[in-house]
Amino acid sequence: MNTLLPIRRKELLAIIILVIFYAVGFYGLIFSSYQAYFLSLVPFNLLLTNFILFFFHRAFSPSFWVFALVVFSAGFLAEVLGIHTALLFGHYTYGAALGWQLFQVPVIIGLNWLMLVYTAGHTVNYFQRIPWVIKAVLGAVLMVALDYFIEPVAVHLDFWSWQGNKIPVSNFVGWFGVALLLQFYFQKATFSKNNPIAPFVFFLQFMFFGLLSWAIL
């Protein structure tokens, strides 16, 4: 169970580094004349975020590695199913900005699912007195709320595009369904869940995409 852990110097340094990278990315994507260059750095930014995030994971037990593999694979396969059938999210296609693709889906998208499930789960775990089922639901709601801000940014920057240039309600319904299943798994998994910077990473995603969404509207 999570407790509100004090932030130590190295954790504060990690947060500062992430804030700087995201601030530079925000400037580059909105105000710089080198937007294409900053777009090419998006996969690197995601890799850096995950490296710093999991550097502070407390114990890399077998349970954690199974969790990471399952969530990465489930997120990636959900996107593959979504791309090729439109059953989960609606009709959409990925652009080139997120890097190397397999089955027309960027491989790094599985890592993004892992990061969001992990950080949203840690965030809701600070509410210690509510049942784990409610925590899972709240974690899924947080993920959908974040996706609400991600979607217009992703379309604007050609991360992916929607048929008819309209984001369907089915996308958010599908996101909630997949996120809820993975949040259930997070809550019941037995690995250590005391990463002190995980909530900050989730909040940073909210701030970054919220500001980007505001800037492009």
Protein backbone atom coordinates (compact mmCIF):
# COMPACT_ATOMS: atom_id res chain seq x y z
CA MET A 1 0.00 0.00 0.00
CA ASN A 2 1.24 3.48 -0.87
CA THR A 3 2.08 6.11 1.70
CA LEU A 4 2.97 9.69 0.87
CA LEU A 5 6.73 9.36 0.62
CA PRO A 6 9.07 12.31 1.19
CA ILE A 7 10.91 13.53 -1.90
CA ARG A 8 14.68 13.16 -1.57
CA ARG A 9 17.32 15.07 -3.48
CA LYS A 10 17.79 12.55 -6.29
CA GLU A 11 14.04 12.28 -6.76
CA LEU A 12 13.70 16.06 -6.86
CA LEU A 13 16.52 16.18 -9.41
CA ALA A 14 14.73 13.61 -11.57
CA ILE A 15 11.52 15.65 -11.44
CA ILE A 16 13.41 18.82 -12.39
CA ILE A 17 15.05 17.06 -15.34
CA LEU A 18 11.67 15.83 -16.58
CA VAL A 19 10.08 19.26 -16.19
CA ILE A 20 12.92 20.83 -18.19
CA PHE A 21 12.63 18.25 -20.98
CA TYR A 22 8.86 18.64 -21.18
CA ALA A 23 9.10 22.44 -21.09
CA VAL A 24 11.62 22.39 -23.93
CA GLY A 25 9.39 19.98 -25.82
CA PHE A 26 6.38 22.23 -25.33
CA TYR A 27 8.30 25.22 -26.66
CA GLY A 28 9.65 23.25 -29.59
CA LEU A 29 6.29 21.84 -30.65
CA ILE A 30 4.39 25.13 -30.34
CA PHE A 31 6.77 28.05 -30.83
CA SER A 32 9.89 26.74 -32.58
CA SER A 33 10.44 26.85 -36.33
CA TYR A 34 12.03 23.39 -35.96
CA GLN A 35 8.83 21.55 -35.07
CA ALA A 36 9.75 18.57 -37.27
CA TYR A 37 12.97 18.09 -35.28
CA PHE A 38 11.15 18.18 -31.96
CA LEU A 39 8.55 15.74 -33.31
CA SER A 40 11.36 13.32 -34.16
CA LEU A 41 12.39 13.43 -30.48
CA VAL A 42 8.99 12.31 -29.16
CA PRO A 43 9.98 8.61 -28.92
CA PHE A 44 13.21 9.60 -27.15
CA ASN A 45 11.24 11.72 -24.69
CA LEU A 46 8.96 8.78 -23.92
CA LEU A 47 11.94 6.47 -23.44
CA LEU A 48 13.65 8.99 -21.16
CA THR A 49 10.48 9.42 -19.09
CA ASN A 50 10.18 5.68 -18.60
CA PHE A 51 13.86 5.26 -17.80
CA ILE A 52 13.65 7.88 -15.05
CA LEU A 53 10.29 6.59 -13.83
CA PHE A 54 11.40 2.98 -13.44
CA PHE A 55 14.79 3.96 -12.05
CA PHE A 56 12.82 4.73 -8.89
CA HIS A 57 10.84 1.50 -8.88
CA ARG A 58 11.52 -0.17 -5.52
CA ALA A 59 11.94 -3.84 -6.41
CA PHE A 60 12.13 -5.59 -9.78
CA SER A 61 10.49 -8.81 -8.65
CA PRO A 62 9.19 -11.54 -10.99
CA SER A 63 5.68 -10.24 -10.32
CA PHE A 64 6.68 -6.82 -11.62
CA TRP A 65 8.27 -8.19 -14.79
CA VAL A 66 5.16 -10.27 -15.52
CA PHE A 67 3.00 -7.19 -14.94
CA ALA A 68 5.17 -5.05 -17.21
CA LEU A 69 5.14 -7.65 -20.00
CA VAL A 70 1.39 -8.24 -19.76
CA VAL A 71 0.49 -4.53 -19.73
CA PHE A 72 2.92 -3.68 -22.53
CA SER A 73 1.60 -6.55 -24.65
CA ALA A 74 -2.07 -5.93 -23.83
CA GLY A 75 -1.79 -2.23 -24.67
CA PHE A 76 0.03 -2.91 -27.92
CA LEU A 77 -2.34 -5.70 -28.99
CA ALA A 78 -5.37 -3.55 -28.13
CA GLU A 79 -4.01 -0.95 -30.54
CA VAL A 80 -3.37 -3.58 -33.22
CA LEU A 81 -6.93 -4.82 -32.82
CA GLY A 82 -8.19 -1.25 -32.89
CA ILE A 83 -6.29 -0.33 -36.03
CA HIS A 84 -7.34 -3.37 -38.02
CA THR A 85 -10.93 -3.83 -36.85
CA ALA A 86 -12.07 -0.50 -35.34
CA LEU A 87 -13.79 -2.57 -32.65
CA LEU A 88 -12.22 -0.97 -29.59
CA PHE A 89 -11.62 2.67 -30.39
CA GLY A 90 -12.99 3.51 -33.83
CA HIS A 91 -11.37 4.06 -37.23
CA TYR A 92 -7.89 5.53 -36.92
CA THR A 93 -4.38 5.17 -38.33
CA TYR A 94 -0.95 6.00 -36.93
CA GLY A 95 1.41 8.53 -38.45
CA ALA A 96 5.20 8.31 -38.46
CA ALA A 97 5.95 10.50 -35.43
CA LEU A 98 6.01 7.68 -32.86
CA GLY A 99 8.70 5.68 -34.60
CA TRP A 100 9.08 2.07 -35.70
CA GLN A 101 5.85 0.20 -36.30
CA LEU A 102 4.78 -3.42 -36.15
CA PHE A 103 1.42 -4.37 -37.67
CA GLN A 104 0.94 -0.63 -38.38
CA VAL A 105 1.20 0.26 -34.67
CA PRO A 106 4.26 2.00 -33.14
CA VAL A 107 5.94 -0.50 -30.82
CA ILE A 108 6.57 2.26 -28.29
CA ILE A 109 2.83 2.62 -27.76
CA GLY A 110 2.96 -0.49 -25.56
CA LEU A 111 5.46 1.32 -23.34
CA ASN A 112 3.11 4.29 -23.16
CA TRP A 113 0.29 2.04 -21.92
CA LEU A 114 2.61 0.59 -19.28
CA MET A 115 3.67 4.04 -18.10
CA LEU A 116 0.09 5.33 -17.85
CA VAL A 117 -1.29 2.26 -16.08
CA TYR A 118 1.62 2.27 -13.63
CA THR A 119 1.55 6.00 -12.86
CA ALA A 120 -2.25 6.32 -12.68
CA GLY A 121 -2.36 3.28 -10.40
CA HIS A 122 0.23 4.80 -8.08
CA THR A 123 -1.66 8.08 -8.06
CA VAL A 124 -4.97 6.62 -6.90
CA ASN A 125 -3.21 4.42 -4.34
CA TYR A 126 -2.63 7.52 -2.23
CA PHE A 127 -6.33 7.26 -1.37
CA GLN A 128 -5.65 4.47 1.10
CA ARG A 129 -9.07 4.03 2.68
CA ILE A 130 -11.11 3.24 -0.41
CA PRO A 131 -11.56 -0.33 -1.76
CA TRP A 132 -9.18 -1.54 -4.42
CA VAL A 133 -12.03 -1.87 -6.92
CA ILE A 134 -12.84 1.83 -6.58
CA LYS A 135 -9.15 2.62 -6.98
CA ALA A 136 -9.10 0.67 -10.23
CA VAL A 137 -12.12 2.57 -11.52
CA LEU A 138 -10.57 5.91 -10.52
CA GLY A 139 -7.30 4.93 -12.22
CA ALA A 140 -9.17 4.16 -15.44
CA VAL A 141 -11.07 7.46 -15.19
CA LEU A 142 -7.78 9.34 -14.80
CA MET A 143 -6.39 7.62 -17.88
CA VAL A 144 -9.45 8.53 -19.95
CA ALA A 145 -9.29 12.11 -18.67
CA LEU A 146 -5.66 12.29 -19.81
CA ASP A 147 -6.58 10.82 -23.19
CA TYR A 148 -9.16 13.60 -23.60
CA PHE A 149 -6.25 16.08 -23.71
CA ILE A 150 -3.93 13.79 -25.68
CA GLU A 151 -6.33 13.24 -28.58
CA PRO A 152 -6.44 16.74 -30.16
CA VAL A 153 -2.68 17.08 -29.70
CA ALA A 154 -2.03 13.69 -31.31
CA VAL A 155 -4.21 14.54 -34.29
CA HIS A 156 -2.62 17.99 -34.69
CA LEU A 157 0.91 16.57 -34.57
CA ASP A 158 0.09 13.52 -36.72
CA PHE A 159 0.73 10.92 -34.04
CA TRP A 160 -2.45 9.36 -35.37
CA SER A 161 -5.52 10.46 -37.32
CA TRP A 162 -9.23 9.65 -37.18
CA GLN A 163 -11.56 8.85 -40.02
CA GLY A 164 -13.46 12.00 -40.89
CA ASN A 165 -11.13 14.03 -38.62
CA LYS A 166 -13.53 13.46 -35.73
CA ILE A 167 -12.60 11.79 -32.44
CA PRO A 168 -15.41 9.30 -31.75
CA VAL A 169 -16.97 8.64 -28.36
CA SER A 170 -16.09 4.97 -28.90
CA ASN A 171 -12.43 5.91 -28.43
CA PHE A 172 -13.02 7.02 -24.85
CA VAL A 173 -15.31 4.07 -24.13
CA GLY A 174 -12.69 1.66 -25.46
CA TRP A 175 -9.93 3.42 -23.56
CA PHE A 176 -11.90 3.12 -20.35
CA GLY A 177 -12.57 -0.58 -20.90
CA VAL A 178 -8.94 -1.49 -21.59
CA ALA A 179 -7.66 0.83 -18.86
CA LEU A 180 -10.08 -0.61 -16.31
CA LEU A 181 -8.94 -4.18 -16.94
CA LEU A 182 -5.30 -3.16 -16.62
CA GLN A 183 -6.01 -1.11 -13.49
CA PHE A 184 -7.68 -4.16 -11.93
CA TYR A 185 -4.48 -6.05 -12.67
CA PHE A 186 -2.33 -3.27 -11.20
CA GLN A 187 -4.30 -3.28 -7.96
CA LYS A 188 -4.12 -7.06 -7.53
CA ALA A 189 -0.50 -7.51 -8.64
CA THR A 190 1.86 -8.22 -5.74
CA PHE A 191 4.93 -6.18 -6.69
CA SER A 192 6.08 -3.16 -4.66
CA LYS A 193 4.04 -0.03 -5.42
CA ASN A 194 6.00 2.71 -3.71
CA ASN A 195 7.53 4.65 -6.59
CA PRO A 196 7.80 8.22 -5.22
CA ILE A 197 7.85 9.99 -8.59
CA ALA A 198 5.08 8.02 -10.33
CA PRO A 199 2.29 10.49 -9.44
CA PHE A 200 4.49 13.39 -10.57
CA VAL A 201 5.05 11.71 -13.93
CA PHE A 202 1.30 11.28 -14.38
CA PHE A 203 0.67 14.90 -13.36
CA LEU A 204 3.38 16.03 -15.78
CA GLN A 205 1.61 14.21 -18.62
CA PHE A 206 -1.59 16.01 -17.68
CA MET A 207 0.14 19.39 -17.63
CA PHE A 208 2.03 18.81 -20.87
CA PHE A 209 -0.89 17.62 -22.97
CA GLY A 210 -3.33 19.98 -21.28
CA LEU A 211 -1.16 22.97 -22.18
CA LEU A 212 -0.53 21.65 -25.70
CA SER A 213 -4.25 21.12 -26.18
CA TRP A 214 -4.94 24.67 -25.00
CA ALA A 215 -2.19 26.10 -27.24
CA ILE A 216 -3.37 24.46 -30.47
CA LEU A 217 -7.07 25.25 -30.04
